PDB file of N, CA and C in Angstrom:
ATOM      1  N   MET A   1      -3.854  18.766  -2.002  1.00  0.00           N
ATOM      2  CA  MET A   1      -3.021  17.628  -2.347  1.00  0.00           C
ATOM      3  C   MET A   1      -3.891  16.560  -3.009  1.00  0.00           C
ATOM      4  N   LYS A   2      -3.392  16.001  -4.078  1.00  0.00           N
ATOM      5  CA  LYS A   2      -4.125  14.976  -4.806  1.00  0.00           C
ATOM      6  C   LYS A   2      -4.065  13.646  -4.062  1.00  0.00           C
ATOM      7  N   LYS A   3      -5.139  12.887  -4.177  1.00  0.00           N
ATOM      8  CA  LYS A   3      -5.182  11.548  -3.596  1.00  0.00           C
ATOM      9  C   LYS A   3      -5.016  10.537  -4.707  1.00  0.00           C
ATOM     10  N   LYS A   4      -4.136   9.595  -4.513  1.00  0.00           N
ATOM     11  CA  LYS A   4      -3.895   8.542  -5.489  1.00  0.00           C
ATOM     12  C   LYS A   4      -4.127   7.195  -4.823  1.00  0.00           C
ATOM     13  N   VAL A   5      -4.746   6.271  -5.558  1.00  0.00           N
ATOM     14  CA  VAL A   5      -5.054   4.950  -5.026  1.00  0.00           C
ATOM     15  C   VAL A   5      -4.452   3.890  -5.936  1.00  0.00           C
ATOM     16  N   LEU A   6      -3.804   2.906  -5.332  1.00  0.00           N
ATOM     17  CA  LEU A   6      -3.239   1.764  -6.045  1.00  0.00           C
ATOM     18  C   LEU A   6      -3.957   0.515  -5.566  1.00  0.00           C
ATOM     19  N   ASP A   7      -4.592  -0.202  -6.487  1.00  0.00           N
ATOM     20  CA  ASP A   7      -5.280  -1.452  -6.158  1.00  0.00           C
ATOM     21  C   ASP A   7      -4.404  -2.612  -6.637  1.00  0.00           C
ATOM     22  N   ILE A   8      -3.806  -3.320  -5.674  1.00  0.00           N
ATOM     23  CA  ILE A   8      -2.956  -4.463  -6.020  1.00  0.00           C
ATOM     24  C   ILE A   8      -3.536  -5.759  -5.451  1.00  0.00           C
ATOM     25  N   THR A   9      -4.865  -5.824  -5.400  1.00  0.00           N
ATOM     26  CA  THR A   9      -5.516  -7.017  -4.853  1.00  0.00           C
ATOM     27  C   THR A   9      -5.357  -8.236  -5.743  1.00  0.00           C
ATOM     28  N   LYS A  10      -4.998  -8.046  -6.991  1.00  0.00           N
ATOM     29  CA  LYS A  10      -4.825  -9.171  -7.918  1.00  0.00           C
ATOM     30  C   LYS A  10      -3.419  -9.752  -7.881  1.00  0.00           C
ATOM     31  N   PHE A  11      -2.542  -9.171  -7.063  1.00  0.00           N
ATOM     32  CA  PHE A  11      -1.144  -9.576  -7.045  1.00  0.00           C
ATOM     33  C   PHE A  11      -0.725 -10.094  -5.677  1.00  0.00           C
ATOM     34  N   ASP A  12       0.316 -10.919  -5.675  1.00  0.00           N
ATOM     35  CA  ASP A  12       0.937 -11.410  -4.440  1.00  0.00           C
ATOM     36  C   ASP A  12       2.369 -10.920  -4.394  1.00  0.00           C
ATOM     37  N   CYS A  13       2.961 -11.004  -3.207  1.00  0.00           N
ATOM     38  CA  CYS A  13       4.353 -10.638  -3.025  1.00  0.00           C
ATOM     39  C   CYS A  13       5.214 -11.541  -3.912  1.00  0.00           C
ATOM     40  N   PRO A  14       6.201 -11.079  -4.599  1.00  0.00           N
ATOM     41  CA  PRO A  14       6.871  -9.780  -4.538  1.00  0.00           C
ATOM     42  C   PRO A  14       6.290  -8.723  -5.472  1.00  0.00           C
ATOM     43  N   MET A  15       5.303  -9.062  -6.305  1.00  0.00           N
ATOM     44  CA  MET A  15       4.736  -8.065  -7.228  1.00  0.00           C
ATOM     45  C   MET A  15       4.072  -6.917  -6.476  1.00  0.00           C
ATOM     46  N   THR A  16       3.510  -7.172  -5.300  1.00  0.00           N
ATOM     47  CA  THR A  16       2.897  -6.086  -4.528  1.00  0.00           C
ATOM     48  C   THR A  16       3.945  -5.041  -4.172  1.00  0.00           C
ATOM     49  N   PHE A  17       5.121  -5.498  -3.793  1.00  0.00           N
ATOM     50  CA  PHE A  17       6.206  -4.578  -3.432  1.00  0.00           C
ATOM     51  C   PHE A  17       6.681  -3.787  -4.646  1.00  0.00           C
ATOM     52  N   ILE A  18       6.854  -4.457  -5.771  1.00  0.00           N
ATOM     53  CA  ILE A  18       7.349  -3.800  -6.989  1.00  0.00           C
ATOM     54  C   ILE A  18       6.359  -2.738  -7.464  1.00  0.00           C
ATOM     55  N   LYS A  19       5.077  -3.085  -7.537  1.00  0.00           N
ATOM     56  CA  LYS A  19       4.061  -2.126  -7.982  1.00  0.00           C
ATOM     57  C   LYS A  19       3.936  -0.964  -7.007  1.00  0.00           C
ATOM     58  N   THR A  20       4.068  -1.233  -5.708  1.00  0.00           N
ATOM     59  CA  THR A  20       4.013  -0.169  -4.710  1.00  0.00           C
ATOM     60  C   THR A  20       5.194   0.780  -4.857  1.00  0.00           C
ATOM     61  N   LYS A  21       6.369   0.243  -5.089  1.00  0.00           N
ATOM     62  CA  LYS A  21       7.565   1.072  -5.254  1.00  0.00           C
ATOM     63  C   LYS A  21       7.407   2.024  -6.441  1.00  0.00           C
ATOM     64  N   ILE A  22       6.922   1.512  -7.556  1.00  0.00           N
ATOM     65  CA  ILE A  22       6.703   2.341  -8.746  1.00  0.00           C
ATOM     66  C   ILE A  22       5.638   3.405  -8.466  1.00  0.00           C
ATOM     67  N   PHE A  23       4.554   3.005  -7.800  1.00  0.00           N
ATOM     68  CA  PHE A  23       3.462   3.913  -7.452  1.00  0.00           C
ATOM     69  C   PHE A  23       3.966   5.068  -6.585  1.00  0.00           C
ATOM     70  N   ILE A  24       4.774   4.767  -5.592  1.00  0.00           N
ATOM     71  CA  ILE A  24       5.315   5.797  -4.698  1.00  0.00           C
ATOM     72  C   ILE A  24       6.221   6.757  -5.466  1.00  0.00           C
ATOM     73  N   GLU A  25       7.078   6.216  -6.319  1.00  0.00           N
ATOM     74  CA  GLU A  25       7.993   7.057  -7.101  1.00  0.00           C
ATOM     75  C   GLU A  25       7.236   7.978  -8.059  1.00  0.00           C
ATOM     76  N   GLU A  26       6.116   7.518  -8.611  1.00  0.00           N
ATOM     77  CA  GLU A  26       5.353   8.317  -9.577  1.00  0.00           C
ATOM     78  C   GLU A  26       4.427   9.338  -8.911  1.00  0.00           C
ATOM     79  N   ASN A  27       4.166   9.175  -7.624  1.00  0.00           N
ATOM     80  CA  ASN A  27       3.215  10.043  -6.926  1.00  0.00           C
ATOM     81  C   ASN A  27       3.814  10.630  -5.658  1.00  0.00           C
ATOM     82  N   ILE A  28       4.947  11.277  -5.802  1.00  0.00           N
ATOM     83  CA  ILE A  28       5.694  11.788  -4.651  1.00  0.00           C
ATOM     84  C   ILE A  28       4.889  12.809  -3.846  1.00  0.00           C
ATOM     85  N   ASN A  29       4.230  13.736  -4.500  1.00  0.00           N
ATOM     86  CA  ASN A  29       3.530  14.812  -3.794  1.00  0.00           C
ATOM     87  C   ASN A  29       2.032  14.571  -3.668  1.00  0.00           C
ATOM     88  N   SER A  30       1.641  13.340  -3.527  1.00  0.00           N
ATOM     89  CA  SER A  30       0.222  12.996  -3.413  1.00  0.00           C
ATOM     90  C   SER A  30      -0.021  12.184  -2.152  1.00  0.00           C
ATOM     91  N   GLU A  31      -1.272  12.220  -1.673  1.00  0.00           N
ATOM     92  CA  GLU A  31      -1.671  11.297  -0.613  1.00  0.00           C
ATOM     93  C   GLU A  31      -1.798   9.924  -1.261  1.00  0.00           C
ATOM     94  N   LYS A  32      -1.210   8.924  -0.641  1.00  0.00           N
ATOM     95  CA  LYS A  32      -1.170   7.604  -1.255  1.00  0.00           C
ATOM     96  C   LYS A  32      -1.970   6.586  -0.443  1.00  0.00           C
ATOM     97  N   THR A  33      -2.839   5.839  -1.147  1.00  0.00           N
ATOM     98  CA  THR A  33      -3.602   4.760  -0.547  1.00  0.00           C
ATOM     99  C   THR A  33      -3.363   3.511  -1.377  1.00  0.00           C
ATOM    100  N   ILE A  34      -3.096   2.409  -0.693  1.00  0.00           N
ATOM    101  CA  ILE A  34      -2.830   1.142  -1.369  1.00  0.00           C
ATOM    102  C   ILE A  34      -3.833   0.114  -0.860  1.00  0.00           C
ATOM    103  N   ILE A  35      -4.510  -0.559  -1.794  1.00  0.00           N
ATOM    104  CA  ILE A  35      -5.474  -1.601  -1.468  1.00  0.00           C
ATOM    105  C   ILE A  35      -4.793  -2.950  -1.707  1.00  0.00           C
ATOM    106  N   VAL A  36      -4.759  -3.782  -0.662  1.00  0.00           N
ATOM    107  CA  VAL A  36      -4.015  -5.050  -0.703  1.00  0.00           C
ATOM    108  C   VAL A  36      -4.930  -6.192  -0.275  1.00  0.00           C
ATOM    109  N   LYS A  37      -4.734  -7.371  -0.887  1.00  0.00           N
ATOM    110  CA  LYS A  37      -5.508  -8.553  -0.518  1.00  0.00           C
ATOM    111  C   LYS A  37      -4.605  -9.547   0.203  1.00  0.00           C
ATOM    112  N   GLY A  38      -5.068 -10.023   1.338  1.00  0.00           N
ATOM    113  CA  GLY A  38      -4.348 -11.060   2.069  1.00  0.00           C
ATOM    114  C   GLY A  38      -3.546 -10.512   3.235  1.00  0.00           C
ATOM    115  N   GLU A  39      -3.669 -11.194   4.377  1.00  0.00           N
ATOM    116  CA  GLU A  39      -2.952 -10.756   5.580  1.00  0.00           C
ATOM    117  C   GLU A  39      -1.443 -10.846   5.413  1.00  0.00           C
ATOM    118  N   LYS A  40      -0.966 -11.877   4.720  1.00  0.00           N
ATOM    119  CA  LYS A  40       0.476 -12.026   4.512  1.00  0.00           C
ATOM    120  C   LYS A  40       1.014 -10.886   3.652  1.00  0.00           C
ATOM    121  N   ASN A  41       0.307 -10.579   2.561  1.00  0.00           N
ATOM    122  CA  ASN A  41       0.749  -9.498   1.673  1.00  0.00           C
ATOM    123  C   ASN A  41       0.767  -8.153   2.386  1.00  0.00           C
ATOM    124  N   VAL A  42      -0.284  -7.856   3.150  1.00  0.00           N
ATOM    125  CA  VAL A  42      -0.347  -6.562   3.840  1.00  0.00           C
ATOM    126  C   VAL A  42       0.728  -6.482   4.922  1.00  0.00           C
ATOM    127  N   SER A  43       0.996  -7.583   5.592  1.00  0.00           N
ATOM    128  CA  SER A  43       2.024  -7.591   6.631  1.00  0.00           C
ATOM    129  C   SER A  43       3.419  -7.352   6.051  1.00  0.00           C
ATOM    130  N   LEU A  44       3.732  -8.042   4.967  1.00  0.00           N
ATOM    131  CA  LEU A  44       5.042  -7.864   4.329  1.00  0.00           C
ATOM    132  C   LEU A  44       5.210  -6.448   3.779  1.00  0.00           C
ATOM    133  N   LEU A  45       4.162  -5.939   3.149  1.00  0.00           N
ATOM    134  CA  LEU A  45       4.226  -4.602   2.579  1.00  0.00           C
ATOM    135  C   LEU A  45       4.344  -3.545   3.671  1.00  0.00           C
ATOM    136  N   LYS A  46       3.563  -3.693   4.719  1.00  0.00           N
ATOM    137  CA  LYS A  46       3.612  -2.743   5.837  1.00  0.00           C
ATOM    138  C   LYS A  46       4.990  -2.723   6.475  1.00  0.00           C
ATOM    139  N   ASN A  47       5.591  -3.887   6.685  1.00  0.00           N
ATOM    140  CA  ASN A  47       6.925  -3.957   7.288  1.00  0.00           C
ATOM    141  C   ASN A  47       7.984  -3.280   6.427  1.00  0.00           C
ATOM    142  N   SER A  48       7.865  -3.394   5.113  1.00  0.00           N
ATOM    143  CA  SER A  48       8.864  -2.765   4.249  1.00  0.00           C
ATOM    144  C   SER A  48       8.658  -1.257   4.119  1.00  0.00           C
ATOM    145  N   LEU A  49       7.429  -0.769   4.322  1.00  0.00           N
ATOM    146  CA  LEU A  49       7.147   0.657   4.173  1.00  0.00           C
ATOM    147  C   LEU A  49       7.281   1.456   5.461  1.00  0.00           C
ATOM    148  N   LYS A  50       7.211   0.794   6.606  1.00  0.00           N
ATOM    149  CA  LYS A  50       7.166   1.523   7.875  1.00  0.00           C
ATOM    150  C   LYS A  50       8.448   2.287   8.197  1.00  0.00           C
ATOM    151  N   LYS A  51       9.542   1.995   7.514  1.00  0.00           N
ATOM    152  CA  LYS A  51      10.796   2.719   7.731  1.00  0.00           C
ATOM    153  C   LYS A  51      10.717   4.147   7.178  1.00  0.00           C
ATOM    154  N   ASN A  52       9.931   4.330   6.106  1.00  0.00           N
ATOM    155  CA  ASN A  52       9.880   5.623   5.420  1.00  0.00           C
ATOM    156  C   ASN A  52       8.542   6.352   5.516  1.00  0.00           C
ATOM    157  N   PHE A  53       7.505   5.669   5.996  1.00  0.00           N
ATOM    158  CA  PHE A  53       6.173   6.261   6.012  1.00  0.00           C
ATOM    159  C   PHE A  53       5.458   5.962   7.320  1.00  0.00           C
ATOM    160  N   LYS A  54       4.537   6.862   7.664  1.00  0.00           N
ATOM    161  CA  LYS A  54       3.570   6.569   8.712  1.00  0.00           C
ATOM    162  C   LYS A  54       2.428   5.853   8.007  1.00  0.00           C
ATOM    163  N   ILE A  55       1.967   4.750   8.561  1.00  0.00           N
ATOM    164  CA  ILE A  55       0.973   3.922   7.896  1.00  0.00           C
ATOM    165  C   ILE A  55      -0.280   3.809   8.746  1.00  0.00           C
ATOM    166  N   LYS A  56      -1.417   4.064   8.116  1.00  0.00           N
ATOM    167  CA  LYS A  56      -2.706   3.838   8.761  1.00  0.00           C
ATOM    168  C   LYS A  56      -3.342   2.647   8.050  1.00  0.00           C
ATOM    169  N   LEU A  57      -3.628   1.586   8.802  1.00  0.00           N
ATOM    170  CA  LEU A  57      -4.167   0.353   8.240  1.00  0.00           C
ATOM    171  C   LEU A  57      -5.648   0.228   8.571  1.00  0.00           C
ATOM    172  N   ASN A  58      -6.458   0.005   7.538  1.00  0.00           N
ATOM    173  CA  ASN A  58      -7.891  -0.213   7.694  1.00  0.00           C
ATOM    174  C   ASN A  58      -8.270  -1.523   7.019  1.00  0.00           C
ATOM    175  N   LYS A  59      -9.164  -2.269   7.644  1.00  0.00           N
ATOM    176  CA  LYS A  59      -9.696  -3.483   7.029  1.00  0.00           C
ATOM    177  C   LYS A  59     -10.984  -3.103   6.315  1.00  0.00           C
ATOM    178  N   ILE A  60     -11.029  -3.317   4.992  1.00  0.00           N
ATOM    179  CA  ILE A  60     -12.184  -2.938   4.187  1.00  0.00           C
ATOM    180  C   ILE A  60     -13.216  -4.066   4.150  1.00  0.00           C
ATOM    181  N   GLU A  61     -12.735  -5.256   3.842  1.00  0.00           N
ATOM    182  CA  GLU A  61     -13.574  -6.446   3.770  1.00  0.00           C
ATOM    183  C   GLU A  61     -12.854  -7.581   4.478  1.00  0.00           C
ATOM    184  N   LYS A  62     -13.368  -8.791   4.306  1.00  0.00           N
ATOM    185  CA  LYS A  62     -12.815  -9.954   4.998  1.00  0.00           C
ATOM    186  C   LYS A  62     -11.300 -10.085   4.815  1.00  0.00           C
ATOM    187  N   ASN A  63     -10.835  -9.990   3.607  1.00  0.00           N
ATOM    188  CA  ASN A  63      -9.419 -10.217   3.325  1.00  0.00           C
ATOM    189  C   ASN A  63      -8.801  -9.066   2.524  1.00  0.00           C
ATOM    190  N   ILE A  64      -9.438  -7.892   2.559  1.00  0.00           N
ATOM    191  CA  ILE A  64      -8.983  -6.715   1.822  1.00  0.00           C
ATOM    192  C   ILE A  64      -8.619  -5.615   2.806  1.00  0.00           C
ATOM    193  N   PHE A  65      -7.426  -5.044   2.621  1.00  0.00           N
ATOM    194  CA  PHE A  65      -6.915  -4.019   3.534  1.00  0.00           C
ATOM    195  C   PHE A  65      -6.545  -2.760   2.769  1.00  0.00           C
ATOM    196  N   GLU A  66      -6.594  -1.635   3.478  1.00  0.00           N
ATOM    197  CA  GLU A  66      -6.239  -0.333   2.916  1.00  0.00           C
ATOM    198  C   GLU A  66      -5.090   0.235   3.736  1.00  0.00           C
ATOM    199  N   LEU A  67      -4.016   0.568   3.050  1.00  0.00           N
ATOM    200  CA  LEU A  67      -2.870   1.222   3.682  1.00  0.00           C
ATOM    201  C   LEU A  67      -2.846   2.675   3.226  1.00  0.00           C
ATOM    202  N   LYS A  68      -2.896   3.607   4.170  1.00  0.00           N
ATOM    203  CA  LYS A  68      -2.755   5.022   3.848  1.00  0.00           C
ATOM    204  C   LYS A  68      -1.376   5.453   4.289  1.00  0.00           C
ATOM    205  N   LEU A  69      -0.615   5.999   3.359  1.00  0.00           N
ATOM    206  CA  LEU A  69       0.772   6.389   3.628  1.00  0.00           C
ATOM    207  C   LEU A  69       0.895   7.896   3.791  1.00  0.00           C
ATOM    208  N   SER A  70       1.676   8.299   4.763  1.00  0.00           N
ATOM    209  CA  SER A  70       2.019   9.710   4.941  1.00  0.00           C
ATOM    210  C   SER A  70       3.461   9.808   5.396  1.00  0.00           C
ATOM    211  N   ASN A  71       4.072  10.936   5.116  1.00  0.00           N
ATOM    212  CA  ASN A  71       5.480  11.120   5.478  1.00  0.00           C
ATOM    213  C   ASN A  71       5.637  11.576   6.894  1.00  0.00           C
TER     214      ASN A  71
END
């Protein structure tokens, strides 16, 4: 299975949600990792994705987070 990574550290909500939605639709059969900046952004994104995905959250740096999505 291919691994795909989306870096949306330059964006804030709601653009993080929009870019994530497009990323998920384009990479249906891939392992998906999303890099997000800011606790608020990661919290909002995680809450919207947890209905459809299992999420593993890792803190990479001070304010940078990694979300790994699986079905």
